[in-house]
């Protein structure tokens, strides 16, 4: 998940930075759709590939997946109705929402995963805790 998430963050920053001033909204939307959305899809695919060998681990992982899917929905909605006059406010609001949502969920995920893995030796967390 780590490298894919970093690639997504870089793609988002690149598209965002390219549209700071005198932004062509059509080009921005196109870049967003061609760069940011596919990189986020790669994050979802990487998350989906994480093994969840028990019901408890699957439940923990499902919360993380749900949060990322919700963030993905926000990403898909971002370009809709985007205009020059609302670009900055929408982008800032989106980035803040995404950052808070993902940060909070990742913190909760790490905590729940650590609690789950602390049940060792009953639980093997060697695969589930790799990044």
C-alpha atoms as a PDB file:
ATOM      1  CA  UNK A   1       0.000   0.000   0.000  1.00  0.00           C
ATOM      2  CA  UNK A   2       2.797   2.452   0.826  1.00  0.00           C
ATOM      3  CA  UNK A   3       4.314   2.986  -2.640  1.00  0.00           C
ATOM      4  CA  UNK A   4       0.918   3.189  -4.362  1.00  0.00           C
ATOM      5  CA  UNK A   5      -0.309   5.730  -1.824  1.00  0.00           C
ATOM      6  CA  UNK A   6       2.832   7.794  -2.326  1.00  0.00           C
ATOM      7  CA  UNK A   7       2.346   7.675  -6.113  1.00  0.00           C
ATOM      8  CA  UNK A   8      -1.228   8.875  -5.649  1.00  0.00           C
ATOM      9  CA  UNK A   9      -0.138  11.730  -3.389  1.00  0.00           C
ATOM     10  CA  UNK A  10       2.501  12.791  -5.912  1.00  0.00           C
ATOM     11  CA  UNK A  11      -0.014  12.673  -8.782  1.00  0.00           C
ATOM     12  CA  UNK A  12      -2.509  14.735  -6.792  1.00  0.00           C
ATOM     13  CA  UNK A  13       0.125  17.287  -5.824  1.00  0.00           C
ATOM     14  CA  UNK A  14       1.341  17.568  -9.414  1.00  0.00           C
ATOM     15  CA  UNK A  15      -2.156  18.148 -10.798  1.00  0.00           C
ATOM     16  CA  UNK A  16      -2.993  20.532  -7.961  1.00  0.00           C
ATOM     17  CA  UNK A  17       0.236  22.510  -8.380  1.00  0.00           C
ATOM     18  CA  UNK A  18      -0.252  22.823 -12.127  1.00  0.00           C
ATOM     19  CA  UNK A  19      -3.578  24.522 -11.520  1.00  0.00           C
ATOM     20  CA  UNK A  20      -2.651  27.149  -8.952  1.00  0.00           C
ATOM     21  CA  UNK A  21      -2.952  30.267 -11.105  1.00  0.00           C
ATOM     22  CA  UNK A  22      -4.442  30.917 -14.527  1.00  0.00           C
ATOM     23  CA  UNK A  23      -5.672  27.353 -14.647  1.00  0.00           C
ATOM     24  CA  UNK A  24      -7.382  25.946 -17.696  1.00  0.00           C
ATOM     25  CA  UNK A  25     -10.222  24.036 -16.031  1.00  0.00           C
ATOM     26  CA  UNK A  26     -10.755  21.652 -18.958  1.00  0.00           C
ATOM     27  CA  UNK A  27      -7.065  20.659 -18.909  1.00  0.00           C
ATOM     28  CA  UNK A  28      -7.156  20.363 -15.127  1.00  0.00           C
ATOM     29  CA  UNK A  29     -10.177  18.048 -15.252  1.00  0.00           C
ATOM     30  CA  UNK A  30      -8.510  15.968 -17.962  1.00  0.00           C
ATOM     31  CA  UNK A  31      -5.265  15.658 -15.989  1.00  0.00           C
ATOM     32  CA  UNK A  32      -7.221  14.784 -12.883  1.00  0.00           C
ATOM     33  CA  UNK A  33      -9.109  12.033 -14.698  1.00  0.00           C
ATOM     34  CA  UNK A  34      -6.056  10.667 -16.474  1.00  0.00           C
ATOM     35  CA  UNK A  35      -3.573  10.861 -13.613  1.00  0.00           C
ATOM     36  CA  UNK A  36      -5.121  11.201 -10.164  1.00  0.00           C
ATOM     37  CA  UNK A  37      -8.061   8.826 -10.508  1.00  0.00           C
ATOM     38  CA  UNK A  38      -6.026   5.922 -11.959  1.00  0.00           C
ATOM     39  CA  UNK A  39      -3.365   6.343  -9.272  1.00  0.00           C
ATOM     40  CA  UNK A  40      -6.077   6.214  -6.609  1.00  0.00           C
ATOM     41  CA  UNK A  41      -7.509   3.084  -8.228  1.00  0.00           C
ATOM     42  CA  UNK A  42      -4.053   1.523  -7.866  1.00  0.00           C
ATOM     43  CA  UNK A  43      -4.174   2.345  -4.133  1.00  0.00           C
ATOM     44  CA  UNK A  44      -7.521   0.569  -3.850  1.00  0.00           C
ATOM     45  CA  UNK A  45      -6.184  -2.447  -5.735  1.00  0.00           C
ATOM     46  CA  UNK A  46      -3.152  -2.629  -3.431  1.00  0.00           C
ATOM     47  CA  UNK A  47      -5.372  -2.400  -0.369  1.00  0.00           C
ATOM     48  CA  UNK A  48      -7.687  -5.040  -1.742  1.00  0.00           C
ATOM     49  CA  UNK A  49      -4.725  -7.387  -2.229  1.00  0.00           C
ATOM     50  CA  UNK A  50      -3.777  -7.330   1.467  1.00  0.00           C
ATOM     51  CA  UNK A  51      -4.460 -10.798   2.882  1.00  0.00           C
ATOM     52  CA  UNK A  52      -7.208 -11.079   5.458  1.00  0.00           C
ATOM     53  CA  UNK A  53      -7.097 -14.655   6.630  1.00  0.00           C
ATOM     54  CA  UNK A  54      -9.520 -14.390   9.543  1.00  0.00           C
ATOM     55  CA  UNK A  55     -12.955 -12.875  10.035  1.00  0.00           C
ATOM     56  CA  UNK A  56     -11.576 -10.472  12.639  1.00  0.00           C
ATOM     57  CA  UNK A  57      -8.796  -9.279  10.327  1.00  0.00           C
ATOM     58  CA  UNK A  58     -11.259  -8.965   7.442  1.00  0.00           C
ATOM     59  CA  UNK A  59     -13.518  -6.798   9.598  1.00  0.00           C
ATOM     60  CA  UNK A  60     -10.625  -4.511  10.527  1.00  0.00           C
ATOM     61  CA  UNK A  61      -9.552  -4.273   6.899  1.00  0.00           C
ATOM     62  CA  UNK A  62     -13.098  -3.608   5.655  1.00  0.00           C
ATOM     63  CA  UNK A  63     -13.236  -0.368   7.667  1.00  0.00           C
ATOM     64  CA  UNK A  64     -10.090   0.843   5.954  1.00  0.00           C
ATOM     65  CA  UNK A  65     -11.365  -0.169   2.511  1.00  0.00           C
ATOM     66  CA  UNK A  66     -14.694   1.562   3.110  1.00  0.00           C
ATOM     67  CA  UNK A  67     -12.952   4.810   4.062  1.00  0.00           C
ATOM     68  CA  UNK A  68     -10.725   4.696   1.003  1.00  0.00           C
ATOM     69  CA  UNK A  69     -13.709   3.953  -1.236  1.00  0.00           C
ATOM     70  CA  UNK A  70     -15.529   6.945   0.257  1.00  0.00           C
ATOM     71  CA  UNK A  71     -12.482   9.074  -0.470  1.00  0.00           C
ATOM     72  CA  UNK A  72     -12.508   7.702  -4.001  1.00  0.00           C
ATOM     73  CA  UNK A  73     -16.105   8.818  -4.401  1.00  0.00           C
ATOM     74  CA  UNK A  74     -15.053  12.299  -3.279  1.00  0.00           C
ATOM     75  CA  UNK A  75     -12.274  12.192  -5.870  1.00  0.00           C
ATOM     76  CA  UNK A  76     -14.675  11.261  -8.650  1.00  0.00           C
ATOM     77  CA  UNK A  77     -17.015  14.082  -7.588  1.00  0.00           C
ATOM     78  CA  UNK A  78     -14.284  16.724  -7.413  1.00  0.00           C
ATOM     79  CA  UNK A  79     -14.254  17.647 -11.140  1.00  0.00           C
ATOM     80  CA  UNK A  80     -18.051  17.761 -11.384  1.00  0.00           C
ATOM     81  CA  UNK A  81     -19.207  21.358 -11.493  1.00  0.00           C
ATOM     82  CA  UNK A  82     -15.638  22.593 -11.216  1.00  0.00           C
ATOM     83  CA  UNK A  83     -15.158  26.127 -12.502  1.00  0.00           C
ATOM     84  CA  UNK A  84     -12.398  28.719 -12.294  1.00  0.00           C
ATOM     85  CA  UNK A  85     -14.185  30.651  -9.547  1.00  0.00           C
ATOM     86  CA  UNK A  86     -14.717  27.643  -7.257  1.00  0.00           C
ATOM     87  CA  UNK A  87     -11.536  25.682  -8.035  1.00  0.00           C
ATOM     88  CA  UNK A  88      -9.463  26.856  -5.069  1.00  0.00           C
ATOM     89  CA  UNK A  89     -12.186  26.433  -2.473  1.00  0.00           C
ATOM     90  CA  UNK A  90     -13.149  22.981  -3.794  1.00  0.00           C
ATOM     91  CA  UNK A  91      -9.585  21.786  -3.961  1.00  0.00           C
ATOM     92  CA  UNK A  92      -8.731  22.970  -0.452  1.00  0.00           C
ATOM     93  CA  UNK A  93     -11.935  21.477   0.963  1.00  0.00           C
ATOM     94  CA  UNK A  94     -11.326  18.204  -0.811  1.00  0.00           C
ATOM     95  CA  UNK A  95      -7.686  17.918   0.260  1.00  0.00           C
ATOM     96  CA  UNK A  96      -8.619  18.681   3.880  1.00  0.00           C
ATOM     97  CA  UNK A  97     -11.469  16.144   3.869  1.00  0.00           C
ATOM     98  CA  UNK A  98      -9.307  13.494   2.240  1.00  0.00           C
ATOM     99  CA  UNK A  99      -6.380  14.074   4.580  1.00  0.00           C
ATOM    100  CA  UNK A 100      -8.515  13.966   7.718  1.00  0.00           C
ATOM    101  CA  UNK A 101     -10.553  10.959   6.602  1.00  0.00           C
ATOM    102  CA  UNK A 102      -7.577   8.875   5.578  1.00  0.00           C
ATOM    103  CA  UNK A 103      -5.380   9.917   8.502  1.00  0.00           C
ATOM    104  CA  UNK A 104      -8.061   9.136  11.086  1.00  0.00           C
ATOM    105  CA  UNK A 105      -8.968   5.808   9.523  1.00  0.00           C
ATOM    106  CA  UNK A 106      -5.351   4.767   9.102  1.00  0.00           C
ATOM    107  CA  UNK A 107      -4.652   5.565  12.760  1.00  0.00           C
ATOM    108  CA  UNK A 108      -7.645   3.502  13.854  1.00  0.00           C
ATOM    109  CA  UNK A 109      -6.610   0.697  11.472  1.00  0.00           C
ATOM    110  CA  UNK A 110      -3.065   0.597  12.839  1.00  0.00           C
ATOM    111  CA  UNK A 111      -4.390   0.539  16.406  1.00  0.00           C
ATOM    112  CA  UNK A 112      -6.875  -2.259  15.710  1.00  0.00           C
ATOM    113  CA  UNK A 113      -4.269  -4.207  13.753  1.00  0.00           C
ATOM    114  CA  UNK A 114      -1.754  -3.847  16.592  1.00  0.00           C
ATOM    115  CA  UNK A 115      -4.362  -5.078  19.090  1.00  0.00           C
ATOM    116  CA  UNK A 116      -5.209  -7.987  16.822  1.00  0.00           C
ATOM    117  CA  UNK A 117      -1.536  -8.869  16.365  1.00  0.00           C
ATOM    118  CA  UNK A 118      -0.842  -8.600  20.103  1.00  0.00           C
ATOM    119  CA  UNK A 119      -2.816 -11.799  20.520  1.00  0.00           C
ATOM    120  CA  UNK A 120       0.275 -13.660  19.276  1.00  0.00           C
ATOM    121  CA  UNK A 121       1.232 -16.466  19.244  1.00  0.00           C
ATOM    122  CA  UNK A 122      -2.402 -17.270  18.459  1.00  0.00           C
ATOM    123  CA  UNK A 123      -2.231 -14.925  15.460  1.00  0.00           C
ATOM    124  CA  UNK A 124       0.393 -14.715  12.704  1.00  0.00           C
ATOM    125  CA  UNK A 125       0.683 -11.082  11.623  1.00  0.00           C
ATOM    126  CA  UNK A 126       3.792 -11.377   9.509  1.00  0.00           C
ATOM    127  CA  UNK A 127       1.845 -10.873   6.255  1.00  0.00           C
ATOM    128  CA  UNK A 128      -0.838  -8.498   7.500  1.00  0.00           C
ATOM    129  CA  UNK A 129       1.582  -5.980   8.949  1.00  0.00           C
ATOM    130  CA  UNK A 130       3.918  -5.677   5.938  1.00  0.00           C
ATOM    131  CA  UNK A 131       3.871  -2.403   4.062  1.00  0.00           C
END
